[in-house]
Amino acid sequence: MAKLNFGGTEEQVVTREEFPLSKAQEVLKDEVVAVIGYGVQGPGQALNQKDNGINVIVGQRKNSGSWDKAVKDGFVPGETLFEIEEALEKGTIICYLLSDAAQIELWPTVKKHLTPGKALYFSHGFGITFNEQTGIIPPPDVDVFLVAPKGSGTSLRRMFLQGRGLNSSYAIFQDATGRAFERVVALGIAVGSGYLFETDFRKEVFSDLTGERGTLMGCIQGIFAAQYDVLRSKGHSPSEAFNETVEELTQSLMPLVAENGMDWMYANCSTTAQRGALDWWKRFRDATKPVFEELYESVAAGKESQRSIDSNSQHDYREKLNMELQELRESELWQAGKTVRSLRPENQSVKTEEFVK
């Protein structure tokens, strides 16, 4: 494995150079990878494996929207697309990619098909880490591991089609066959990872739940809303408030940070922006760090997982979710965003030469 040094902290990672696709194909040549669930991560992971020459099948409920999507994506009923139990029986590696709530519900069915030597694959440490809440306890004679792409299934697929890779973590919970490492790394390469860094199930889910509630989704939406509201209350137009809050960040600055780092982005903006950012970033850190501490402790104590299980298992969960999403969608902030996005050059149907005329 390759070694990376992060300011004195050394990590071992697996790159595509040292574990190329040809090696992954060799490791998986006798496996049948059954992707159970075709919702968030399922399509991207299944299609990438399929395109990479892996023997992958999909298990999904017939006559569902996800079944129809799998057919549209090229999976053939009776050949590479099956009802869930048939896929579980055929698979030697079970990619358990249902939602956390659905994993709990289906677990008794999955468990009875985990015969000795098979492997149980996750992309999230939730079910195993919080097994007292989920009841997901694998038998001792199967491999149990995870590959967690650091992004959505949509991003995983999009980057794969662009010839790029999305970095992933990997972890081994149980090595019953002695082949868990080569199996998990081969799958990590096959699903389209950039490089793979090691973690464990507990750390994966703790960081993941913190990130989702924090800078990836919850915190960023809160910061967007706060700055937008302040600008609007001070008399700025919706267009100005949205562009200064979201559009410039996502379309201009974050791509630069992704390519070169925050220090490079600071060094290549105006001196006024530099001074302001350098003066204020530590105040924002100090103001939000106590919230992140509280958030992490809530995750570690199992409060966030229990809330997710309790909420997502309610019969009217979808209706309540749609109401909460509607609140976001209909807010002035994101209505302004919808309008601004429609005015991006790539989204306009009017050709440039028509303006010239």
Protein backbone atom coordinates (compact mmCIF):
# COMPACT_ATOMS: atom_id res chain seq x y z
CA MET A 1 0.00 0.00 0.00
CA ALA A 2 1.10 3.56 -0.63
CA LYS A 3 1.92 5.86 2.26
CA LEU A 4 0.70 9.43 2.62
CA ASN A 5 2.06 11.90 5.13
CA PHE A 6 -0.30 14.53 6.51
CA GLY A 7 1.81 16.93 8.55
CA GLY A 8 3.47 14.14 10.48
CA THR A 9 0.49 11.77 10.49
CA GLU A 10 1.12 8.83 8.18
CA GLU A 11 -1.67 6.93 6.45
CA GLN A 12 -1.63 3.89 4.23
CA VAL A 13 -3.87 4.09 1.18
CA VAL A 14 -4.59 1.90 -1.83
CA THR A 15 -4.27 3.56 -5.23
CA ARG A 16 -5.40 2.45 -8.67
CA GLU A 17 -1.78 2.32 -9.75
CA GLU A 18 -0.85 -0.40 -7.26
CA PHE A 19 -4.21 -2.18 -7.46
CA PRO A 20 -5.29 -1.72 -11.10
CA LEU A 21 -8.64 -2.75 -12.52
CA SER A 22 -7.08 -5.85 -14.09
CA LYS A 23 -6.13 -7.08 -10.61
CA ALA A 24 -9.63 -6.34 -9.30
CA GLN A 25 -11.12 -8.29 -12.20
CA GLU A 26 -8.86 -11.25 -11.40
CA VAL A 27 -9.84 -11.21 -7.71
CA LEU A 28 -13.55 -11.06 -8.55
CA LYS A 29 -13.58 -13.36 -11.60
CA ASP A 30 -15.41 -16.19 -9.78
CA GLU A 31 -17.72 -13.95 -7.75
CA VAL A 32 -21.33 -12.97 -8.37
CA VAL A 33 -21.83 -9.50 -6.92
CA ALA A 34 -25.47 -9.00 -5.96
CA VAL A 35 -26.41 -5.34 -5.51
CA ILE A 36 -29.45 -5.26 -3.24
CA GLY A 37 -31.29 -1.97 -3.59
CA TYR A 38 -31.32 0.39 -6.55
CA GLY A 39 -31.90 3.76 -4.94
CA VAL A 40 -29.11 6.15 -3.87
CA GLN A 41 -25.82 4.20 -4.15
CA GLY A 42 -27.08 1.13 -6.02
CA PRO A 43 -27.26 2.46 -9.59
CA GLY A 44 -23.82 4.09 -9.60
CA GLN A 45 -22.06 1.16 -7.98
CA ALA A 46 -23.83 -1.49 -10.05
CA LEU A 47 -23.32 0.29 -13.38
CA ASN A 48 -19.66 1.06 -12.69
CA GLN A 49 -19.00 -2.59 -11.82
CA LYS A 50 -20.90 -3.72 -14.91
CA ASP A 51 -18.86 -1.40 -17.13
CA ASN A 52 -15.67 -2.63 -15.43
CA GLY A 53 -16.40 -6.22 -16.43
CA ILE A 54 -17.54 -7.51 -13.03
CA ASN A 55 -20.27 -10.17 -12.89
CA VAL A 56 -22.89 -8.02 -11.17
CA ILE A 57 -26.60 -8.63 -10.73
CA VAL A 58 -29.27 -6.44 -9.15
CA GLY A 59 -31.87 -7.53 -6.60
CA GLN A 60 -34.95 -5.34 -6.45
CA ARG A 61 -38.69 -5.66 -5.86
CA LYS A 62 -40.52 -6.27 -9.13
CA ASN A 63 -43.03 -3.70 -10.36
CA SER A 64 -41.31 -0.88 -8.49
CA GLY A 65 -39.87 2.34 -9.83
CA SER A 66 -36.38 1.10 -8.98
CA TRP A 67 -36.97 -2.15 -10.92
CA ASP A 68 -38.01 -0.12 -13.95
CA LYS A 69 -34.96 2.12 -13.57
CA ALA A 70 -32.66 -0.93 -13.48
CA VAL A 71 -34.26 -2.22 -16.68
CA LYS A 72 -33.82 1.18 -18.30
CA ASP A 73 -30.15 1.13 -17.21
CA GLY A 74 -29.58 -2.14 -19.06
CA PHE A 75 -30.11 -4.85 -16.44
CA VAL A 76 -32.11 -7.72 -17.92
CA PRO A 77 -34.87 -9.46 -15.93
CA GLY A 78 -34.02 -13.11 -15.41
CA GLU A 79 -30.39 -12.58 -16.45
CA THR A 80 -28.90 -9.72 -14.44
CA LEU A 81 -32.01 -8.43 -12.62
CA PHE A 82 -33.89 -10.55 -10.10
CA GLU A 83 -36.31 -10.40 -7.22
CA ILE A 84 -34.39 -9.77 -4.00
CA GLU A 85 -34.41 -13.32 -2.62
CA GLU A 86 -33.25 -14.84 -5.90
CA ALA A 87 -30.41 -12.31 -6.12
CA LEU A 88 -29.43 -13.05 -2.52
CA GLU A 89 -29.28 -16.77 -3.32
CA LYS A 90 -27.19 -16.27 -6.45
CA GLY A 91 -24.78 -13.70 -5.01
CA THR A 92 -21.44 -14.62 -3.44
CA ILE A 93 -20.91 -10.99 -2.43
CA ILE A 94 -24.01 -9.21 -1.15
CA CYS A 95 -23.80 -5.43 -1.63
CA TYR A 96 -26.35 -4.29 0.93
CA LEU A 97 -27.20 -0.84 -0.41
CA LEU A 98 -30.73 -0.30 0.86
CA SER A 99 -31.48 2.64 3.17
CA ASP A 100 -30.62 2.10 6.83
CA ALA A 101 -34.30 1.65 7.73
CA ALA A 102 -34.88 -0.79 4.86
CA GLN A 103 -31.77 -2.77 5.86
CA ILE A 104 -33.31 -3.37 9.28
CA GLU A 105 -36.58 -4.54 7.75
CA LEU A 106 -34.99 -6.92 5.24
CA TRP A 107 -32.23 -8.26 7.51
CA PRO A 108 -33.94 -11.58 8.47
CA THR A 109 -34.26 -12.39 4.76
CA VAL A 110 -30.67 -11.43 3.99
CA LYS A 111 -29.24 -13.32 6.94
CA LYS A 112 -30.69 -16.67 5.89
CA HIS A 113 -28.85 -16.41 2.55
CA LEU A 114 -25.46 -15.62 4.11
CA THR A 115 -23.98 -19.08 3.73
CA PRO A 116 -20.34 -19.80 4.70
CA GLY A 117 -17.74 -18.08 2.52
CA LYS A 118 -20.01 -15.38 1.20
CA ALA A 119 -19.29 -11.71 1.81
CA LEU A 120 -21.58 -8.97 3.13
CA TYR A 121 -20.68 -5.54 1.75
CA PHE A 122 -21.92 -2.21 3.06
CA SER A 123 -21.32 1.39 2.01
CA HIS A 124 -22.12 2.71 5.47
CA GLY A 125 -21.18 1.57 8.97
CA PHE A 126 -24.63 2.27 10.42
CA GLY A 127 -26.19 -1.19 10.59
CA ILE A 128 -23.14 -2.92 12.12
CA THR A 129 -22.06 -0.13 14.50
CA PHE A 130 -25.53 0.41 15.96
CA ASN A 131 -26.46 -3.29 15.92
CA GLU A 132 -28.19 -3.05 19.28
CA GLN A 133 -30.66 -0.72 17.56
CA THR A 134 -30.69 -2.39 14.13
CA GLY A 135 -30.40 -6.09 15.01
CA ILE A 136 -27.90 -6.56 12.14
CA ILE A 137 -25.44 -9.18 13.46
CA PRO A 138 -23.83 -11.23 10.66
CA PRO A 139 -22.99 -14.93 11.10
CA PRO A 140 -19.32 -15.57 11.94
CA ASP A 141 -18.45 -17.53 8.77
CA VAL A 142 -18.86 -14.70 6.22
CA ASP A 143 -16.64 -11.76 5.35
CA VAL A 144 -18.05 -8.38 6.36
CA PHE A 145 -16.59 -5.16 4.98
CA LEU A 146 -17.48 -1.79 3.52
CA VAL A 147 -16.52 0.61 0.77
CA ALA A 148 -17.92 4.09 1.39
CA PRO A 149 -17.57 6.49 -1.56
CA LYS A 150 -17.19 10.05 -0.33
CA GLY A 151 -20.12 11.37 -2.32
CA SER A 152 -23.48 10.46 -3.76
CA GLY A 153 -24.07 7.57 -6.12
CA THR A 154 -24.85 10.13 -8.82
CA SER A 155 -21.42 11.73 -8.35
CA LEU A 156 -19.74 8.32 -8.33
CA ARG A 157 -21.30 7.47 -11.69
CA ARG A 158 -20.74 10.90 -13.23
CA MET A 159 -17.07 10.96 -12.27
CA PHE A 160 -16.62 7.40 -13.55
CA LEU A 161 -18.01 8.39 -16.94
CA GLN A 162 -15.59 11.33 -16.95
CA GLY A 163 -12.67 8.99 -16.37
CA ARG A 164 -12.19 10.21 -12.82
CA GLY A 165 -12.53 8.50 -9.44
CA LEU A 166 -14.36 9.39 -6.24
CA ASN A 167 -12.25 8.69 -3.13
CA SER A 168 -13.64 6.03 -0.80
CA SER A 169 -12.94 4.65 2.64
CA TYR A 170 -12.80 0.91 3.26
CA ALA A 171 -13.07 -1.18 6.40
CA ILE A 172 -13.05 -4.83 7.36
CA PHE A 173 -15.31 -5.89 10.20
CA GLN A 174 -14.94 -9.64 9.82
CA ASP A 175 -12.44 -11.73 7.82
CA ALA A 176 -13.80 -15.26 7.78
CA THR A 177 -12.18 -16.41 4.55
CA GLY A 178 -8.76 -14.80 4.77
CA ARG A 179 -9.60 -12.98 1.53
CA ALA A 180 -11.55 -10.02 2.94
CA PHE A 181 -8.82 -7.50 2.14
CA GLU A 182 -8.42 -8.41 -1.51
CA ARG A 183 -12.18 -8.69 -1.94
CA VAL A 184 -12.96 -5.29 -0.43
CA VAL A 185 -10.17 -3.48 -2.27
CA ALA A 186 -11.12 -5.12 -5.57
CA LEU A 187 -14.70 -3.96 -5.08
CA GLY A 188 -13.50 -0.49 -4.14
CA ILE A 189 -11.62 -0.25 -7.43
CA ALA A 190 -14.49 -1.82 -9.39
CA VAL A 191 -17.09 0.68 -8.16
CA GLY A 192 -14.92 3.58 -9.33
CA SER A 193 -12.90 4.77 -6.34
CA GLY A 194 -10.06 7.23 -6.84
CA TYR A 195 -8.01 5.96 -3.93
CA LEU A 196 -9.06 3.97 -0.86
CA PHE A 197 -8.22 4.95 2.71
CA GLU A 198 -8.63 2.66 5.69
CA THR A 199 -11.11 3.20 8.50
CA ASP A 200 -13.37 1.04 10.65
CA PHE A 201 -17.15 0.74 10.75
CA ARG A 202 -17.47 2.88 13.87
CA LYS A 203 -15.31 5.73 12.60
CA GLU A 204 -16.98 5.64 9.18
CA VAL A 205 -20.47 6.10 10.57
CA PHE A 206 -19.42 8.66 13.19
CA SER A 207 -17.68 10.83 10.57
CA ASP A 208 -20.46 10.29 8.05
CA LEU A 209 -23.32 11.26 10.34
CA THR A 210 -21.33 14.25 11.59
CA GLY A 211 -20.52 15.35 8.05
CA GLU A 212 -24.08 15.01 6.76
CA ARG A 213 -25.44 17.07 9.63
CA GLY A 214 -22.46 19.41 9.46
CA THR A 215 -20.53 20.95 6.59
CA LEU A 216 -21.90 18.66 3.88
CA MET A 217 -25.59 19.44 4.30
CA GLY A 218 -27.04 20.68 7.60
CA CYS A 219 -24.49 23.32 8.51
CA ILE A 220 -24.06 24.61 4.98
CA GLN A 221 -27.81 25.08 4.54
CA GLY A 222 -27.95 26.89 7.89
CA ILE A 223 -25.09 29.21 6.91
CA PHE A 224 -26.63 29.86 3.50
CA ALA A 225 -29.96 30.75 5.09
CA ALA A 226 -28.39 33.02 7.73
CA GLN A 227 -26.30 35.07 5.29
CA TYR A 228 -29.12 35.28 2.72
CA ASP A 229 -31.59 36.48 5.37
CA VAL A 230 -29.18 39.15 6.64
CA LEU A 231 -28.54 40.47 3.13
CA ARG A 232 -32.25 40.54 2.31
CA SER A 233 -33.08 42.30 5.60
CA LYS A 234 -30.53 44.98 4.72
CA GLY A 235 -32.24 45.71 1.41
CA HIS A 236 -30.30 43.55 -1.04
CA SER A 237 -32.28 41.97 -3.89
CA PRO A 238 -32.92 38.21 -4.02
CA SER A 239 -30.61 37.91 -7.02
CA GLU A 240 -27.77 39.76 -5.29
CA ALA A 241 -28.25 37.89 -2.00
CA PHE A 242 -28.30 34.48 -3.70
CA ASN A 243 -25.33 35.17 -5.95
CA GLU A 244 -23.21 36.41 -3.05
CA THR A 245 -24.29 33.54 -0.79
CA VAL A 246 -24.49 30.44 -2.99
CA GLU A 247 -23.78 30.95 -6.67
CA GLU A 248 -20.30 32.47 -6.35
CA LEU A 249 -19.31 29.85 -3.79
CA THR A 250 -20.50 26.80 -5.71
CA GLN A 251 -19.74 27.91 -9.26
CA SER A 252 -16.54 29.92 -8.83
CA LEU A 253 -14.73 29.43 -5.54
CA MET A 254 -15.30 25.80 -4.49
CA PRO A 255 -13.98 24.41 -7.79
CA LEU A 256 -10.77 26.36 -7.12
CA VAL A 257 -10.56 25.00 -3.58
CA ALA A 258 -11.15 21.48 -4.91
CA GLU A 259 -8.36 21.87 -7.45
CA ASN A 260 -5.73 23.74 -5.42
CA GLY A 261 -6.73 24.17 -1.77
CA MET A 262 -8.09 27.03 0.32
CA ASP A 263 -4.72 28.75 0.67
CA TRP A 264 -4.36 28.93 -3.12
CA MET A 265 -7.86 30.33 -3.47
CA TYR A 266 -7.10 32.99 -0.81
CA ALA A 267 -3.85 33.88 -2.58
CA ASN A 268 -5.63 34.35 -5.90
CA CYS A 269 -8.48 36.63 -4.86
CA SER A 270 -8.50 40.36 -4.20
CA THR A 271 -6.45 41.72 -1.29
CA THR A 272 -9.68 43.03 0.27
CA ALA A 273 -11.23 39.55 0.15
CA GLN A 274 -8.01 38.02 1.51
CA ARG A 275 -7.92 40.37 4.48
CA GLY A 276 -11.57 39.84 5.34
CA ALA A 277 -11.42 36.05 5.04
CA LEU A 278 -8.26 35.82 7.14
CA ASP A 279 -9.73 38.11 9.81
CA TRP A 280 -13.07 36.29 10.07
CA TRP A 281 -12.51 32.56 9.53
CA LYS A 282 -11.33 31.86 13.08
CA ARG A 283 -14.35 33.66 14.52
CA PHE A 284 -16.63 31.37 12.52
CA ARG A 285 -14.58 28.35 13.65
CA ASP A 286 -14.81 29.34 17.30
CA ALA A 287 -18.53 30.10 17.02
CA THR A 288 -19.43 26.76 15.38
CA LYS A 289 -16.97 24.37 17.06
CA PRO A 290 -19.17 23.92 20.17
CA VAL A 291 -22.06 22.95 17.90
CA PHE A 292 -19.87 20.37 16.15
CA GLU A 293 -18.73 19.00 19.52
CA GLU A 294 -22.38 18.63 20.57
CA LEU A 295 -23.20 17.02 17.23
CA TYR A 296 -20.38 14.47 17.45
CA GLU A 297 -21.33 13.49 20.99
CA SER A 298 -24.93 13.01 19.87
CA VAL A 299 -23.72 10.72 17.08
CA ALA A 300 -21.38 8.76 19.36
CA ALA A 301 -24.11 8.29 21.98
CA GLY A 302 -26.42 6.72 19.39
CA LYS A 303 -28.98 9.52 19.62
CA GLU A 304 -28.76 10.45 15.92
CA SER A 305 -29.01 6.84 14.76
CA GLN A 306 -32.03 6.19 17.01
CA ARG A 307 -33.75 9.33 15.78
CA SER A 308 -33.14 8.24 12.19
CA ILE A 309 -34.52 4.76 12.84
CA ASP A 310 -37.56 6.05 14.70
CA SER A 311 -38.32 8.70 12.10
CA ASN A 312 -37.65 6.68 8.96
CA SER A 313 -39.71 3.70 10.11
CA GLN A 314 -42.92 5.69 10.60
CA HIS A 315 -45.69 4.87 8.12
CA ASP A 316 -46.07 8.54 7.16
CA TYR A 317 -42.34 9.26 6.90
CA ARG A 318 -42.48 10.09 3.20
CA GLU A 319 -45.32 12.55 3.66
CA LYS A 320 -43.50 14.32 6.49
CA LEU A 321 -40.26 14.33 4.52
CA ASN A 322 -41.97 15.89 1.52
CA MET A 323 -43.38 18.63 3.73
CA GLU A 324 -39.92 19.46 5.10
CA LEU A 325 -38.41 19.43 1.62
CA GLN A 326 -41.25 21.60 0.38
CA GLU A 327 -40.36 24.18 3.03
CA LEU A 328 -36.82 24.32 1.64
CA ARG A 329 -37.93 24.26 -1.98
CA GLU A 330 -40.45 27.07 -1.54
CA SER A 331 -38.19 29.31 0.55
CA GLU A 332 -37.18 32.53 -1.17
CA LEU A 333 -33.54 31.44 -0.99
CA TRP A 334 -34.03 28.37 -3.15
CA GLN A 335 -36.69 29.92 -5.37
CA ALA A 336 -34.07 32.56 -6.15
CA GLY A 337 -31.62 29.73 -6.77
CA LYS A 338 -33.97 28.07 -9.24
CA THR A 339 -34.22 31.31 -11.20
CA VAL A 340 -30.48 31.99 -11.10
CA ARG A 341 -29.66 28.45 -12.27
CA SER A 342 -32.03 28.83 -15.21
CA LEU A 343 -30.06 31.90 -16.29
CA ARG A 344 -26.72 30.12 -16.45
CA PRO A 345 -25.50 30.11 -20.08
CA GLU A 346 -25.61 26.32 -20.35
CA ASN A 347 -29.29 26.30 -19.35
CA GLN A 348 -30.47 28.95 -21.79
CA SER A 349 -31.94 27.89 -25.11
CA VAL A 350 -31.24 31.22 -26.81
CA LYS A 351 -28.06 30.98 -28.87
CA THR A 352 -25.33 33.60 -28.62
CA GLU A 353 -25.66 34.60 -32.28
CA GLU A 354 -29.28 35.58 -31.67
CA PHE A 355 -28.05 38.28 -29.30
CA VAL A 356 -25.56 39.49 -31.91
CA LYS A 357 -28.37 39.98 -34.42
